[in-house]
Amino acid sequence: MKTKTIIVILFLSMLVSSCVLSSLFPLYKESDLIRDDRIVGTWLAEEREDYIEYWTFEWVDTSEAGSSFFGPGAWEKYNTGKTYRVTVAENALEQEFAANLLELDGKTYMDFYPVDFEIEHGFLAWHMVPVHLFSQIEIKEDNLIFYWCDVDYFKELIEQNKVKISHISNKGEILITASTGELQRFIKKYGEEVFNYSEPDTIPRASL
């Protein structure tokens, strides 16, 4: 039996480099969200001899769901009115995510959430849980600069009791279980430290 669900296995190249924290709850409340259409367009995330990855951002307007490009489907429940659809294309494989921008203490953050991923293996689908990924971001004319949390460094801070936030740890993997409010308080207090420990990822605007 086919089961529709949302897959956790996202941004594989980032997970391999231990730079993404996952959270059960979003970083934002809808009242926190902002729009910045400088992110609209296509960006070249990675290019190698046998691999190319593009991120395409579009503002989601479902106010006219019947005639909207996106139609009356899944995006109605993901759209906040300030949501962007980002399509991540890895070679010929594409997946959509809801991206939301917010500001905390003068810093801009982006929260990613996967939108309806179909897994044909039904029993595998039962094991999957939706998660939010987020980063600090600088938006420039020709570059998006992402500051991802270094998970190994974050684990060290947790183990040394230097930071406290609700989470679960299973076989070395950490899942943040804090509410949005607790998550925001954590980011305001420790964001500069955990998001600036590693080198940022700079993604240039694509020349198509």
Protein backbone atom coordinates (compact mmCIF):
# COMPACT_ATOMS: atom_id res chain seq x y z
CA MET A 1 0.00 0.00 0.00
CA LYS A 2 1.31 3.45 -0.92
CA THR A 3 1.52 5.83 2.00
CA LYS A 4 1.98 9.57 1.74
CA THR A 5 4.18 11.01 4.43
CA ILE A 6 6.99 13.46 4.96
CA ILE A 7 10.48 12.09 4.90
CA VAL A 8 13.19 12.98 7.37
CA ILE A 9 16.07 12.23 5.01
CA LEU A 10 16.59 15.80 3.80
CA PHE A 11 19.56 17.77 2.55
CA LEU A 12 21.77 14.68 2.63
CA SER A 13 24.99 16.51 1.90
CA MET A 14 24.39 18.78 4.89
CA LEU A 15 23.57 15.90 7.23
CA VAL A 16 26.80 14.15 6.27
CA SER A 17 28.76 17.25 7.32
CA SER A 18 26.93 17.39 10.69
CA CYS A 19 25.65 20.91 10.28
CA VAL A 20 21.87 20.62 10.59
CA LEU A 21 19.76 20.46 13.74
CA SER A 22 16.26 19.04 13.40
CA SER A 23 13.29 20.10 15.48
CA LEU A 24 9.77 18.77 15.98
CA PHE A 25 8.43 22.31 16.23
CA PRO A 26 9.00 25.36 14.03
CA LEU A 27 11.32 28.20 14.95
CA TYR A 28 8.60 30.72 14.07
CA LYS A 29 5.19 31.82 15.20
CA GLU A 30 3.14 33.21 12.33
CA SER A 31 3.25 36.68 13.92
CA ASP A 32 7.09 36.58 13.63
CA LEU A 33 7.22 35.99 9.88
CA ILE A 34 8.59 38.46 7.35
CA ARG A 35 8.78 38.62 3.57
CA ASP A 36 11.96 39.35 1.71
CA ASP A 37 11.53 38.73 -2.00
CA ARG A 38 15.25 39.04 -2.61
CA ILE A 39 15.32 35.27 -2.13
CA VAL A 40 12.96 34.72 -5.08
CA GLY A 41 14.71 33.03 -7.98
CA THR A 42 17.04 30.12 -8.60
CA TRP A 43 20.29 29.58 -6.73
CA LEU A 44 23.16 27.21 -7.47
CA ALA A 45 23.68 25.20 -4.29
CA GLU A 46 26.35 22.81 -5.58
CA GLU A 47 27.99 21.79 -8.83
CA ARG A 48 30.35 18.91 -9.46
CA GLU A 49 31.29 16.88 -12.50
CA ASP A 50 28.36 14.47 -12.16
CA TYR A 51 26.08 16.43 -9.86
CA ILE A 52 24.23 19.74 -9.84
CA GLU A 53 21.86 21.12 -7.22
CA TYR A 54 19.53 24.11 -7.61
CA TRP A 55 17.28 25.78 -5.04
CA THR A 56 14.35 27.72 -6.52
CA PHE A 57 12.36 30.04 -4.27
CA GLU A 58 8.85 31.24 -5.13
CA TRP A 59 6.37 33.12 -3.00
CA VAL A 60 3.31 30.95 -2.36
CA ASP A 61 0.07 32.76 -3.12
CA THR A 62 -2.90 30.49 -2.55
CA SER A 63 -5.45 33.27 -2.05
CA GLU A 64 -7.12 32.11 -5.25
CA ALA A 65 -6.71 28.39 -4.72
CA GLY A 66 -9.02 27.40 -7.52
CA SER A 67 -6.96 29.12 -10.20
CA SER A 68 -3.61 29.34 -8.46
CA PHE A 69 -0.56 27.82 -10.08
CA PHE A 70 -0.19 25.69 -6.96
CA GLY A 71 -3.87 24.71 -6.96
CA PRO A 72 -5.96 23.76 -3.92
CA GLY A 73 -3.72 20.91 -2.79
CA ALA A 74 -1.17 20.49 -0.04
CA TRP A 75 0.12 24.04 -0.11
CA GLU A 76 -3.06 25.42 1.45
CA LYS A 77 -2.12 23.91 4.81
CA TYR A 78 1.54 24.98 4.61
CA ASN A 79 1.01 28.55 3.47
CA THR A 80 1.11 31.28 6.11
CA GLY A 81 0.71 34.19 3.69
CA LYS A 82 4.45 34.82 3.94
CA THR A 83 5.63 31.36 2.97
CA TYR A 84 8.01 30.58 0.14
CA ARG A 85 8.08 27.36 -1.80
CA VAL A 86 11.62 26.13 -2.34
CA THR A 87 12.16 23.37 -4.85
CA VAL A 88 15.44 21.57 -4.28
CA ALA A 89 16.57 19.87 -7.49
CA GLU A 90 19.37 17.34 -7.13
CA ASN A 91 20.13 16.38 -10.72
CA ALA A 92 16.72 15.14 -11.95
CA LEU A 93 15.30 14.52 -8.46
CA GLU A 94 13.12 17.32 -7.03
CA GLN A 95 11.47 17.90 -3.65
CA GLU A 96 9.45 20.84 -2.36
CA PHE A 97 9.83 22.55 1.02
CA ALA A 98 7.98 25.32 2.79
CA ALA A 99 10.46 28.05 3.75
CA ASN A 100 9.59 30.76 6.25
CA LEU A 101 11.67 33.79 7.22
CA LEU A 102 11.72 35.46 10.62
CA GLU A 103 13.86 37.87 12.63
CA LEU A 104 15.13 37.31 16.16
CA ASP A 105 17.24 39.99 17.86
CA GLY A 106 18.11 41.58 14.53
CA LYS A 107 19.19 38.32 12.87
CA THR A 108 17.28 36.67 10.02
CA TYR A 109 16.49 32.96 10.15
CA MET A 110 14.91 30.53 7.72
CA ASP A 111 12.82 27.54 8.73
CA PHE A 112 12.45 24.65 6.26
CA TYR A 113 9.70 22.03 6.31
CA PRO A 114 9.18 19.28 3.71
CA VAL A 115 5.92 19.20 1.77
CA ASP A 116 4.17 15.88 0.98
CA PHE A 117 6.75 13.30 0.09
CA GLU A 118 5.44 10.00 -1.23
CA ILE A 119 7.18 6.85 -0.05
CA GLU A 120 6.06 3.75 -1.87
CA HIS A 121 7.30 1.38 0.83
CA GLY A 122 4.40 1.48 3.30
CA PHE A 123 6.16 0.04 6.35
CA LEU A 124 9.08 2.43 5.86
CA ALA A 125 6.63 5.33 5.66
CA TRP A 126 5.30 4.49 9.13
CA HIS A 127 8.79 5.17 10.54
CA MET A 128 9.08 8.69 9.20
CA VAL A 129 8.43 11.84 11.21
CA PRO A 130 8.25 15.42 9.86
CA VAL A 131 10.95 17.78 11.15
CA HIS A 132 11.93 21.41 10.82
CA LEU A 133 15.43 22.48 9.82
CA PHE A 134 16.57 26.06 10.30
CA SER A 135 19.56 28.30 9.85
CA GLN A 136 20.64 31.87 10.20
CA ILE A 137 20.71 33.54 6.80
CA GLU A 138 22.04 36.65 5.12
CA ILE A 139 20.29 37.66 1.90
CA LYS A 140 22.35 39.58 -0.60
CA GLU A 141 21.74 40.50 -4.21
CA ASP A 142 23.74 37.64 -5.69
CA ASN A 143 24.29 35.33 -2.72
CA LEU A 144 22.39 33.53 0.00
CA ILE A 145 24.63 32.90 3.01
CA PHE A 146 23.49 30.12 5.34
CA TYR A 147 24.88 29.70 8.85
CA TRP A 148 23.99 26.16 9.87
CA CYS A 149 24.40 24.86 13.39
CA ASP A 150 27.31 22.49 13.82
CA VAL A 151 25.67 19.45 15.38
CA ASP A 152 28.91 18.02 16.82
CA TYR A 153 29.63 21.31 18.56
CA PHE A 154 26.04 21.48 19.78
CA LYS A 155 26.39 17.97 21.25
CA GLU A 156 29.53 19.06 23.10
CA LEU A 157 27.69 22.02 24.63
CA ILE A 158 24.85 19.72 25.73
CA GLU A 159 27.21 17.12 27.21
CA GLN A 160 29.12 19.81 29.11
CA ASN A 161 25.85 21.30 30.43
CA LYS A 162 26.75 24.63 28.87
CA VAL A 163 23.39 24.91 27.12
CA LYS A 164 19.99 23.58 28.07
CA ILE A 165 17.11 22.91 25.69
CA SER A 166 14.49 20.17 25.53
CA HIS A 167 15.72 17.38 23.29
CA ILE A 168 16.05 13.65 22.92
CA SER A 169 19.23 11.79 22.02
CA ASN A 170 19.16 8.39 20.36
CA LYS A 171 22.31 6.61 19.24
CA GLY A 172 24.16 9.90 18.98
CA GLU A 173 21.44 11.68 17.01
CA ILE A 174 19.71 14.71 18.54
CA LEU A 175 16.14 15.81 17.93
CA ILE A 176 15.03 19.11 19.46
CA THR A 177 11.66 18.73 21.21
CA ALA A 178 11.41 22.27 22.61
CA SER A 179 8.31 24.35 21.96
CA THR A 180 8.61 27.29 19.58
CA GLY A 181 8.84 29.68 22.52
CA GLU A 182 11.65 27.73 24.20
CA LEU A 183 13.40 27.34 20.87
CA GLN A 184 13.34 31.09 20.25
CA ARG A 185 14.67 31.83 23.73
CA PHE A 186 17.50 29.39 23.10
CA ILE A 187 18.35 31.01 19.75
CA LYS A 188 18.32 34.50 21.26
CA LYS A 189 20.72 33.39 24.00
CA TYR A 190 23.03 31.03 22.12
CA GLY A 191 22.43 31.73 18.42
CA GLU A 192 25.62 33.70 17.88
CA GLU A 193 27.66 30.85 19.31
CA VAL A 194 26.05 27.80 17.70
CA PHE A 195 25.36 29.30 14.26
CA ASN A 196 28.75 30.94 13.79
CA TYR A 197 30.97 28.08 14.92
CA SER A 198 31.43 26.69 11.41
CA GLU A 199 32.06 28.34 8.07
CA PRO A 200 28.84 29.46 6.34
CA ASP A 201 27.58 28.06 3.05
CA THR A 202 27.37 30.68 0.30
CA ILE A 203 24.95 29.92 -2.51
CA PRO A 204 25.20 32.19 -5.59
CA ARG A 205 22.31 33.16 -7.81
CA ALA A 206 22.20 30.83 -10.80
CA SER A 207 22.85 32.04 -14.34
CA LEU A 208 20.30 30.07 -16.33
